[in-house]
């Protein structure tokens, strides 16, 4: 069974898309990169997984999640929806099976001010940035445009579909569902 990896920058719609896919394929499980990372942070504080540039977060976490998704699909007989801000698409490509699907979400290589406005535009009551000021968002996501451009280039390199979710997010999600169905 195929696993679907939804990767991309924070606040690009990964969790929302995961829920949409889950509603279409209820037998699939959603595995959250962030939830698994937080479990490691609580249980293995010595690994320093809070630091997104730490060796553990770059090497241990992606391989753990891919291995977990693989065995979970073997045991359950169903694929998984794995969503999160993986550290590096290249690392993920080395770990997954050929039949797995990667979908990369981004905000279309926009500048930081456009990104901040987009985050605010898409905020809902459950989003952690809902009550943040523009300056707080800008400070927190200072490197998001750089990471989005990096992801875009890696998608081209590895022939992965990059989906710009900045505008018309609902339409983009419908196109992604069609893309997945064709895979």
N, C-alpha and C. Protein backbone atom coordinates (compact mmCIF):
# COMPACT_ATOMS: atom_id res chain seq x y z
N UNK A 1 0.84 -1.19 0.00
CA UNK A 1 0.00 0.00 0.00
C UNK A 1 0.88 1.24 0.00
N UNK A 2 0.49 2.21 -0.79
CA UNK A 2 1.25 3.45 -0.90
C UNK A 2 1.10 4.30 0.36
N UNK A 3 2.19 4.96 0.72
CA UNK A 3 2.15 6.00 1.72
C UNK A 3 2.20 7.33 0.98
N UNK A 4 1.49 8.31 1.49
CA UNK A 4 1.47 9.64 0.91
C UNK A 4 2.20 10.57 1.87
N UNK A 5 3.28 11.17 1.40
CA UNK A 5 4.05 12.12 2.20
C UNK A 5 3.70 13.53 1.77
N UNK A 6 3.17 14.31 2.69
CA UNK A 6 2.82 15.70 2.41
C UNK A 6 3.86 16.55 3.13
N UNK A 7 4.71 17.18 2.35
CA UNK A 7 5.81 17.96 2.90
C UNK A 7 5.67 19.41 2.48
N UNK A 8 6.43 20.26 3.12
CA UNK A 8 6.42 21.67 2.76
C UNK A 8 6.68 22.55 3.95
N UNK A 9 6.65 23.81 3.68
CA UNK A 9 6.93 24.79 4.73
C UNK A 9 5.76 24.88 5.70
N UNK A 10 6.03 25.37 6.92
CA UNK A 10 4.94 25.55 7.88
C UNK A 10 3.85 26.47 7.33
N UNK A 11 2.63 26.16 7.67
CA UNK A 11 1.44 26.95 7.35
C UNK A 11 1.09 26.96 5.87
N UNK A 12 1.52 25.92 5.14
CA UNK A 12 1.19 25.83 3.72
C UNK A 12 -0.03 24.95 3.46
N UNK A 13 -0.62 24.37 4.53
CA UNK A 13 -1.84 23.59 4.38
C UNK A 13 -1.66 22.08 4.51
N UNK A 14 -0.54 21.64 5.04
CA UNK A 14 -0.26 20.20 5.12
C UNK A 14 -1.29 19.46 5.99
N UNK A 15 -1.59 19.98 7.14
CA UNK A 15 -2.56 19.31 8.05
C UNK A 15 -3.96 19.33 7.45
N UNK A 16 -4.33 20.44 6.85
CA UNK A 16 -5.66 20.53 6.23
C UNK A 16 -5.77 19.53 5.09
N UNK A 17 -4.75 19.46 4.24
CA UNK A 17 -4.77 18.50 3.14
C UNK A 17 -4.81 17.07 3.67
N UNK A 18 -4.09 16.79 4.73
CA UNK A 18 -4.11 15.44 5.32
C UNK A 18 -5.52 15.05 5.73
N UNK A 19 -6.23 15.96 6.32
CA UNK A 19 -7.62 15.68 6.75
C UNK A 19 -8.53 15.46 5.54
N UNK A 20 -8.31 16.21 4.49
CA UNK A 20 -9.11 16.04 3.27
C UNK A 20 -8.86 14.66 2.66
N UNK A 21 -7.59 14.26 2.59
CA UNK A 21 -7.26 12.93 2.07
C UNK A 21 -7.85 11.85 2.97
N UNK A 22 -7.74 12.04 4.27
CA UNK A 22 -8.30 11.07 5.23
C UNK A 22 -9.80 10.93 5.05
N UNK A 23 -10.50 12.02 4.76
CA UNK A 23 -11.95 11.92 4.57
C UNK A 23 -12.28 11.13 3.30
N UNK A 24 -11.40 11.20 2.31
CA UNK A 24 -11.61 10.44 1.07
C UNK A 24 -11.18 8.98 1.23
N UNK A 25 -10.15 8.75 2.03
CA UNK A 25 -9.61 7.40 2.27
C UNK A 25 -9.58 7.13 3.77
N UNK A 26 -10.74 6.87 4.39
CA UNK A 26 -10.82 6.76 5.85
C UNK A 26 -9.99 5.62 6.46
N UNK A 27 -9.61 4.64 5.64
CA UNK A 27 -8.82 3.53 6.18
C UNK A 27 -7.35 3.93 6.43
N UNK A 28 -6.92 5.03 5.84
CA UNK A 28 -5.54 5.49 6.01
C UNK A 28 -5.37 6.19 7.36
N UNK A 29 -4.16 6.09 7.91
CA UNK A 29 -3.83 6.79 9.16
C UNK A 29 -3.05 8.06 8.84
N UNK A 30 -3.23 9.07 9.65
CA UNK A 30 -2.42 10.29 9.53
C UNK A 30 -1.30 10.18 10.55
N UNK A 31 -0.07 10.31 10.08
CA UNK A 31 1.10 10.35 10.94
C UNK A 31 1.69 11.75 10.86
N UNK A 32 1.77 12.42 11.99
CA UNK A 32 2.24 13.80 12.02
C UNK A 32 3.71 13.85 12.41
N UNK A 33 4.52 14.43 11.52
CA UNK A 33 5.94 14.64 11.79
C UNK A 33 6.11 15.40 13.10
N UNK A 34 5.32 16.45 13.29
CA UNK A 34 5.45 17.29 14.48
C UNK A 34 5.08 16.52 15.76
N UNK A 35 4.04 15.69 15.70
CA UNK A 35 3.65 14.92 16.88
C UNK A 35 4.73 13.92 17.26
N UNK A 36 5.31 13.26 16.26
CA UNK A 36 6.38 12.30 16.53
C UNK A 36 7.62 13.03 17.05
N UNK A 37 7.93 14.17 16.43
CA UNK A 37 9.06 14.98 16.92
C UNK A 37 8.85 15.37 18.38
N UNK A 38 7.63 15.82 18.71
CA UNK A 38 7.34 16.22 20.09
C UNK A 38 7.47 15.06 21.06
N UNK A 39 7.11 13.85 20.61
CA UNK A 39 7.31 12.65 21.44
C UNK A 39 8.79 12.42 21.72
N UNK A 40 9.62 12.59 20.71
CA UNK A 40 11.07 12.47 20.90
C UNK A 40 11.59 13.54 21.85
N UNK A 41 11.09 14.77 21.70
CA UNK A 41 11.54 15.87 22.55
C UNK A 41 11.26 15.55 24.01
N UNK A 42 10.06 15.02 24.29
CA UNK A 42 9.68 14.68 25.68
C UNK A 42 10.44 13.47 26.20
N UNK A 43 10.60 12.44 25.35
CA UNK A 43 11.19 11.19 25.83
C UNK A 43 12.71 11.12 25.69
N UNK A 44 13.28 11.87 24.78
CA UNK A 44 14.72 11.85 24.52
C UNK A 44 15.29 13.27 24.44
N UNK A 45 15.22 14.04 25.53
CA UNK A 45 15.66 15.44 25.46
C UNK A 45 17.14 15.59 25.06
N UNK A 46 17.94 14.58 25.31
CA UNK A 46 19.36 14.64 24.97
C UNK A 46 19.61 14.70 23.46
N UNK A 47 18.61 14.36 22.64
CA UNK A 47 18.77 14.39 21.19
C UNK A 47 18.69 15.80 20.60
N UNK A 48 18.18 16.75 21.40
CA UNK A 48 18.10 18.15 20.96
C UNK A 48 17.24 18.33 19.71
N UNK A 49 16.08 17.68 19.67
CA UNK A 49 15.21 17.77 18.49
C UNK A 49 14.46 19.09 18.40
N UNK A 50 14.56 19.94 19.43
CA UNK A 50 13.94 21.26 19.31
C UNK A 50 14.64 22.09 18.24
N UNK A 51 15.94 21.86 18.09
CA UNK A 51 16.75 22.57 17.11
C UNK A 51 16.54 21.94 15.74
N UNK A 52 15.92 22.69 14.82
CA UNK A 52 15.60 22.11 13.52
C UNK A 52 16.83 21.79 12.68
N UNK A 53 18.00 22.26 13.12
CA UNK A 53 19.23 21.96 12.40
C UNK A 53 20.07 20.88 13.08
N UNK A 54 19.55 20.31 14.17
CA UNK A 54 20.33 19.28 14.88
C UNK A 54 20.46 18.02 14.03
N UNK A 55 21.53 17.29 14.25
CA UNK A 55 21.78 16.05 13.53
C UNK A 55 20.64 15.06 13.75
N UNK A 56 20.15 14.97 14.99
CA UNK A 56 19.06 14.03 15.30
C UNK A 56 17.82 14.36 14.49
N UNK A 57 17.48 15.63 14.42
CA UNK A 57 16.28 16.03 13.69
C UNK A 57 16.45 15.84 12.18
N UNK A 58 17.66 16.01 11.70
CA UNK A 58 17.94 15.87 10.27
C UNK A 58 18.06 14.41 9.85
N UNK A 59 18.59 13.55 10.72
CA UNK A 59 18.90 12.18 10.32
C UNK A 59 18.01 11.13 11.00
N UNK A 60 17.90 11.20 12.31
CA UNK A 60 17.17 10.16 13.05
C UNK A 60 15.67 10.25 12.80
N UNK A 61 15.11 11.43 12.91
CA UNK A 61 13.66 11.60 12.82
C UNK A 61 13.07 11.19 11.46
N UNK A 62 13.62 11.66 10.34
CA UNK A 62 13.03 11.23 9.06
C UNK A 62 13.09 9.71 8.86
N UNK A 63 14.22 9.09 9.17
CA UNK A 63 14.31 7.63 8.97
C UNK A 63 13.37 6.89 9.91
N UNK A 64 13.20 7.37 11.14
CA UNK A 64 12.26 6.75 12.07
C UNK A 64 10.84 6.82 11.52
N UNK A 65 10.44 8.00 11.05
CA UNK A 65 9.07 8.19 10.57
C UNK A 65 8.80 7.33 9.32
N UNK A 66 9.73 7.30 8.39
CA UNK A 66 9.54 6.51 7.17
C UNK A 66 9.47 5.02 7.52
N UNK A 67 10.33 4.57 8.41
CA UNK A 67 10.32 3.16 8.83
C UNK A 67 8.99 2.83 9.54
N UNK A 68 8.55 3.74 10.40
CA UNK A 68 7.29 3.55 11.11
C UNK A 68 6.13 3.46 10.12
N UNK A 69 6.11 4.38 9.14
CA UNK A 69 5.03 4.38 8.14
C UNK A 69 5.05 3.08 7.34
N UNK A 70 6.23 2.63 6.97
CA UNK A 70 6.35 1.39 6.20
C UNK A 70 5.76 0.21 6.98
N UNK A 71 6.21 0.03 8.22
CA UNK A 71 5.74 -1.12 9.00
C UNK A 71 4.27 -0.99 9.37
N UNK A 72 3.81 0.23 9.61
CA UNK A 72 2.39 0.43 9.91
C UNK A 72 1.53 0.02 8.72
N UNK A 73 1.99 0.34 7.50
CA UNK A 73 1.21 -0.05 6.32
C UNK A 73 1.25 -1.56 6.11
N UNK A 74 2.34 -2.22 6.45
CA UNK A 74 2.43 -3.68 6.35
C UNK A 74 1.47 -4.32 7.35
N UNK A 75 1.48 -3.83 8.57
CA UNK A 75 0.65 -4.41 9.63
C UNK A 75 -0.83 -4.17 9.39
N UNK A 76 -1.20 -2.95 9.01
CA UNK A 76 -2.62 -2.61 8.86
C UNK A 76 -3.16 -2.96 7.48
N UNK A 77 -2.28 -3.05 6.50
CA UNK A 77 -2.72 -3.30 5.12
C UNK A 77 -3.16 -2.04 4.40
N UNK A 78 -2.99 -0.88 5.04
CA UNK A 78 -3.38 0.40 4.44
C UNK A 78 -2.21 1.36 4.48
N UNK A 79 -2.19 2.27 3.53
CA UNK A 79 -1.16 3.29 3.51
C UNK A 79 -1.40 4.33 4.60
N UNK A 80 -0.44 5.20 4.73
CA UNK A 80 -0.48 6.28 5.71
C UNK A 80 -0.40 7.62 5.00
N UNK A 81 -0.91 8.62 5.65
CA UNK A 81 -0.74 10.00 5.22
C UNK A 81 0.26 10.59 6.21
N UNK A 82 1.47 10.84 5.75
CA UNK A 82 2.53 11.36 6.62
C UNK A 82 2.71 12.82 6.28
N UNK A 83 2.46 13.68 7.28
CA UNK A 83 2.55 15.11 6.98
C UNK A 83 3.48 15.82 7.94
N UNK A 84 4.22 16.77 7.37
CA UNK A 84 5.09 17.57 8.22
C UNK A 84 6.14 18.32 7.44
N UNK A 85 6.87 19.13 8.17
CA UNK A 85 7.94 19.92 7.58
C UNK A 85 9.25 19.13 7.67
N UNK A 86 9.36 18.13 6.81
CA UNK A 86 10.58 17.33 6.79
C UNK A 86 11.77 18.25 6.55
N UNK A 87 12.88 17.91 7.19
CA UNK A 87 14.05 18.77 7.10
C UNK A 87 14.59 18.90 5.69
N UNK A 88 14.58 17.81 4.94
CA UNK A 88 15.19 17.85 3.62
C UNK A 88 14.50 16.85 2.71
N UNK A 89 13.99 17.32 1.59
CA UNK A 89 13.31 16.46 0.63
C UNK A 89 14.27 15.42 0.06
N UNK A 90 15.54 15.78 -0.12
CA UNK A 90 16.53 14.84 -0.63
C UNK A 90 16.68 13.64 0.29
N UNK A 91 16.73 13.89 1.59
CA UNK A 91 16.83 12.80 2.57
C UNK A 91 15.60 11.92 2.48
N UNK A 92 14.44 12.53 2.39
CA UNK A 92 13.20 11.76 2.29
C UNK A 92 13.20 10.88 1.04
N UNK A 93 13.67 11.42 -0.07
CA UNK A 93 13.72 10.65 -1.32
C UNK A 93 14.59 9.40 -1.19
N UNK A 94 15.64 9.48 -0.39
CA UNK A 94 16.52 8.33 -0.19
C UNK A 94 15.87 7.26 0.68
N UNK A 95 14.87 7.63 1.46
CA UNK A 95 14.29 6.72 2.45
C UNK A 95 13.01 6.01 1.99
N UNK A 96 12.23 6.65 1.13
CA UNK A 96 10.91 6.11 0.80
C UNK A 96 10.98 5.01 -0.26
N UNK A 97 9.88 4.30 -0.40
CA UNK A 97 9.74 3.28 -1.45
C UNK A 97 9.32 3.94 -2.75
N UNK A 98 9.59 3.26 -3.85
CA UNK A 98 9.26 3.81 -5.17
C UNK A 98 7.76 4.06 -5.36
N UNK A 99 6.93 3.26 -4.72
CA UNK A 99 5.49 3.42 -4.93
C UNK A 99 4.88 4.52 -4.06
N UNK A 100 5.63 5.04 -3.09
CA UNK A 100 5.12 6.11 -2.24
C UNK A 100 4.97 7.40 -3.04
N UNK A 101 4.10 8.26 -2.56
CA UNK A 101 3.80 9.53 -3.22
C UNK A 101 4.27 10.67 -2.34
N UNK A 102 4.94 11.64 -2.95
CA UNK A 102 5.31 12.86 -2.22
C UNK A 102 4.57 14.03 -2.87
N UNK A 103 3.96 14.83 -2.03
CA UNK A 103 3.30 16.07 -2.45
C UNK A 103 3.96 17.19 -1.66
N UNK A 104 4.46 18.20 -2.34
CA UNK A 104 5.11 19.32 -1.66
C UNK A 104 4.23 20.56 -1.77
N UNK A 105 3.94 21.15 -0.62
CA UNK A 105 3.15 22.37 -0.57
C UNK A 105 4.06 23.56 -0.27
N UNK A 106 3.77 24.67 -0.90
CA UNK A 106 4.54 25.88 -0.66
C UNK A 106 3.69 27.11 -0.90
N UNK A 107 4.32 28.23 -0.74
CA UNK A 107 3.62 29.51 -0.90
C UNK A 107 4.11 30.28 -2.12
N UNK A 108 4.64 29.55 -3.09
CA UNK A 108 4.95 30.13 -4.38
C UNK A 108 6.11 31.09 -4.44
N UNK A 109 7.14 30.85 -3.65
CA UNK A 109 8.36 31.66 -3.71
C UNK A 109 8.06 33.15 -3.53
N UNK A 110 7.28 33.49 -2.54
CA UNK A 110 6.92 34.88 -2.27
C UNK A 110 7.86 35.49 -1.23
N UNK A 111 7.84 36.82 -1.15
CA UNK A 111 8.66 37.49 -0.14
C UNK A 111 8.01 37.36 1.23
N UNK A 112 8.75 37.71 2.27
CA UNK A 112 8.31 37.47 3.64
C UNK A 112 7.01 38.23 3.96
N UNK A 113 6.86 39.43 3.45
CA UNK A 113 5.64 40.19 3.74
C UNK A 113 4.42 39.52 3.11
N UNK A 114 4.57 39.03 1.89
CA UNK A 114 3.47 38.30 1.25
C UNK A 114 3.15 37.02 2.03
N UNK A 115 4.19 36.34 2.51
CA UNK A 115 3.99 35.12 3.29
C UNK A 115 3.23 35.43 4.57
N UNK A 116 3.62 36.48 5.26
CA UNK A 116 2.94 36.87 6.50
C UNK A 116 1.46 37.15 6.21
N UNK A 117 1.19 37.90 5.16
CA UNK A 117 -0.21 38.19 4.80
C UNK A 117 -0.97 36.92 4.44
N UNK A 118 -0.31 36.00 3.75
CA UNK A 118 -0.94 34.73 3.39
C UNK A 118 -1.26 33.88 4.62
N UNK A 119 -0.34 33.85 5.58
CA UNK A 119 -0.58 33.09 6.81
C UNK A 119 -1.81 33.65 7.52
N UNK A 120 -1.87 34.97 7.62
CA UNK A 120 -3.02 35.61 8.27
C UNK A 120 -4.30 35.32 7.50
N UNK A 121 -4.23 35.35 6.17
CA UNK A 121 -5.40 35.11 5.32
C UNK A 121 -5.96 33.70 5.55
N UNK A 122 -5.07 32.72 5.74
CA UNK A 122 -5.51 31.32 5.88
C UNK A 122 -5.70 30.89 7.33
N UNK A 123 -5.39 31.76 8.29
CA UNK A 123 -5.53 31.40 9.72
C UNK A 123 -6.97 31.03 10.05
N UNK A 124 -7.13 29.99 10.84
CA UNK A 124 -8.43 29.69 11.42
C UNK A 124 -8.25 29.58 12.93
N UNK A 125 -9.32 29.35 13.64
CA UNK A 125 -9.30 29.37 15.10
C UNK A 125 -8.32 28.38 15.72
N UNK A 126 -8.01 27.29 15.03
CA UNK A 126 -7.12 26.26 15.59
C UNK A 126 -5.65 26.49 15.28
N UNK A 127 -5.34 27.45 14.42
CA UNK A 127 -3.95 27.67 14.04
C UNK A 127 -3.19 28.40 15.14
N UNK A 128 -1.97 27.95 15.38
CA UNK A 128 -1.17 28.52 16.46
C UNK A 128 -0.78 29.97 16.22
N UNK A 129 -0.88 30.44 15.00
CA UNK A 129 -0.54 31.84 14.70
C UNK A 129 -1.75 32.77 14.72
N UNK A 130 -2.91 32.25 15.03
CA UNK A 130 -4.16 33.02 14.92
C UNK A 130 -4.10 34.35 15.68
N UNK A 131 -3.53 34.34 16.86
CA UNK A 131 -3.53 35.56 17.68
C UNK A 131 -2.21 36.32 17.62
N UNK A 132 -1.32 35.91 16.73
CA UNK A 132 -0.03 36.56 16.62
C UNK A 132 -0.14 37.85 15.80
N UNK A 133 0.73 38.79 16.09
CA UNK A 133 0.81 40.01 15.29
C UNK A 133 1.63 39.72 14.03
N UNK A 134 1.56 40.64 13.09
CA UNK A 134 2.35 40.48 11.87
C UNK A 134 3.84 40.39 12.20
N UNK A 135 4.28 41.18 13.15
CA UNK A 135 5.70 41.17 13.53
C UNK A 135 6.09 39.84 14.18
N UNK A 136 5.22 39.27 14.99
CA UNK A 136 5.52 37.96 15.60
C UNK A 136 5.63 36.88 14.52
N UNK A 137 4.73 36.92 13.56
CA UNK A 137 4.76 35.93 12.46
C UNK A 137 6.04 36.11 11.65
N UNK A 138 6.36 37.35 11.33
CA UNK A 138 7.56 37.63 10.54
C UNK A 138 8.82 37.16 11.27
N UNK A 139 8.88 37.38 12.57
CA UNK A 139 10.05 36.97 13.35
C UNK A 139 10.15 35.44 13.40
N UNK A 140 9.02 34.77 13.58
CA UNK A 140 9.00 33.31 13.69
C UNK A 140 9.34 32.64 12.37
N UNK A 141 8.90 33.20 11.26
CA UNK A 141 9.08 32.60 9.95
C UNK A 141 10.13 33.34 9.12
N UNK A 142 11.13 33.89 9.78
CA UNK A 142 12.15 34.69 9.09
C UNK A 142 12.81 33.98 7.92
N UNK A 143 12.94 32.65 7.99
CA UNK A 143 13.65 31.91 6.95
C UNK A 143 12.72 31.09 6.05
N UNK A 144 11.42 31.33 6.15
CA UNK A 144 10.45 30.50 5.43
C UNK A 144 10.55 30.67 3.92
N UNK A 145 10.82 31.88 3.44
CA UNK A 145 10.90 32.08 2.00
C UNK A 145 12.11 31.36 1.42
N UNK A 146 13.20 31.36 2.16
CA UNK A 146 14.41 30.64 1.74
C UNK A 146 14.15 29.14 1.65
N UNK A 147 13.48 28.59 2.66
CA UNK A 147 13.17 27.16 2.68
C UNK A 147 12.19 26.81 1.56
N UNK A 148 11.23 27.67 1.28
CA UNK A 148 10.26 27.42 0.21
C UNK A 148 10.97 27.36 -1.15
N UNK A 149 11.89 28.29 -1.38
CA UNK A 149 12.67 28.28 -2.64
C UNK A 149 13.52 27.01 -2.74
N UNK A 150 14.12 26.61 -1.63
CA UNK A 150 14.91 25.38 -1.60
C UNK A 150 14.04 24.17 -1.94
N UNK A 151 12.86 24.10 -1.31
CA UNK A 151 11.93 22.99 -1.60
C UNK A 151 11.52 22.98 -3.08
N UNK A 152 11.25 24.14 -3.63
CA UNK A 152 10.86 24.25 -5.03
C UNK A 152 11.95 23.67 -5.94
N UNK A 153 13.18 24.05 -5.68
CA UNK A 153 14.31 23.56 -6.49
C UNK A 153 14.50 22.05 -6.31
N UNK A 154 14.35 21.55 -5.09
CA UNK A 154 14.47 20.11 -4.85
C UNK A 154 13.35 19.34 -5.54
N UNK A 155 12.17 19.93 -5.58
CA UNK A 155 11.06 19.28 -6.29
C UNK A 155 11.38 19.15 -7.77
N UNK A 156 11.94 20.20 -8.36
CA UNK A 156 12.34 20.12 -9.77
C UNK A 156 13.40 19.04 -9.96
N UNK A 157 14.37 19.01 -9.06
CA UNK A 157 15.47 18.04 -9.17
C UNK A 157 14.97 16.60 -9.10
N UNK A 158 14.01 16.33 -8.21
CA UNK A 158 13.53 14.97 -8.00
C UNK A 158 12.21 14.66 -8.69
N UNK A 159 11.74 15.54 -9.54
CA UNK A 159 10.46 15.37 -10.26
C UNK A 159 9.29 15.15 -9.31
N UNK A 160 9.21 15.97 -8.31
CA UNK A 160 8.11 15.96 -7.33
C UNK A 160 7.20 17.14 -7.65
N UNK A 161 5.89 16.92 -7.56
CA UNK A 161 4.96 18.03 -7.79
C UNK A 161 5.02 19.02 -6.63
N UNK A 162 5.19 20.28 -6.98
CA UNK A 162 5.16 21.38 -6.03
C UNK A 162 3.84 22.11 -6.23
N UNK A 163 3.06 22.25 -5.17
CA UNK A 163 1.76 22.91 -5.27
C UNK A 163 1.78 24.20 -4.48
N UNK A 164 1.49 25.30 -5.16
CA UNK A 164 1.42 26.62 -4.54
C UNK A 164 0.04 26.76 -3.90
N UNK A 165 0.02 26.84 -2.57
CA UNK A 165 -1.26 26.92 -1.84
C UNK A 165 -1.57 28.33 -1.34
N UNK A 166 -0.89 29.32 -1.88
CA UNK A 166 -1.10 30.68 -1.40
C UNK A 166 -2.50 31.19 -1.69
N UNK A 167 -2.96 31.00 -2.92
CA UNK A 167 -4.30 31.44 -3.33
C UNK A 167 -5.15 30.22 -3.68
N UNK A 168 -6.45 30.38 -3.64
CA UNK A 168 -7.38 29.33 -4.09
C UNK A 168 -7.03 27.95 -3.51
N UNK A 169 -6.78 27.91 -2.23
CA UNK A 169 -6.33 26.69 -1.57
C UNK A 169 -7.27 25.52 -1.80
N UNK A 170 -8.58 25.76 -1.75
CA UNK A 170 -9.55 24.67 -1.94
C UNK A 170 -9.40 24.05 -3.33
N UNK A 171 -9.23 24.89 -4.36
CA UNK A 171 -9.04 24.38 -5.72
C UNK A 171 -7.74 23.59 -5.84
N UNK A 172 -6.69 24.10 -5.20
CA UNK A 172 -5.40 23.40 -5.23
C UNK A 172 -5.54 22.03 -4.57
N UNK A 173 -6.25 21.97 -3.45
CA UNK A 173 -6.43 20.68 -2.76
C UNK A 173 -7.20 19.70 -3.64
N UNK A 174 -8.20 20.18 -4.36
CA UNK A 174 -8.93 19.29 -5.29
C UNK A 174 -8.00 18.77 -6.39
N UNK A 175 -7.13 19.62 -6.90
CA UNK A 175 -6.15 19.19 -7.90
C UNK A 175 -5.18 18.16 -7.33
N UNK A 176 -4.81 18.33 -6.07
CA UNK A 176 -3.91 17.37 -5.43
C UNK A 176 -4.59 16.02 -5.27
N UNK A 177 -5.87 16.02 -4.91
CA UNK A 177 -6.60 14.75 -4.82
C UNK A 177 -6.61 14.03 -6.17
N UNK A 178 -6.83 14.76 -7.24
CA UNK A 178 -6.79 14.17 -8.58
C UNK A 178 -5.39 13.63 -8.89
N UNK A 179 -4.38 14.38 -8.52
CA UNK A 179 -2.99 13.96 -8.72
C UNK A 179 -2.73 12.64 -7.99
N UNK A 180 -3.17 12.53 -6.75
CA UNK A 180 -2.98 11.31 -5.97
C UNK A 180 -3.73 10.14 -6.58
N UNK A 181 -4.95 10.39 -7.00
CA UNK A 181 -5.76 9.32 -7.63
C UNK A 181 -5.07 8.77 -8.89
N UNK A 182 -4.38 9.63 -9.62
CA UNK A 182 -3.70 9.20 -10.84
C UNK A 182 -2.39 8.49 -10.58
N UNK A 183 -1.93 8.54 -9.38
CA UNK A 183 -0.68 7.85 -9.02
C UNK A 183 -1.00 6.44 -8.58
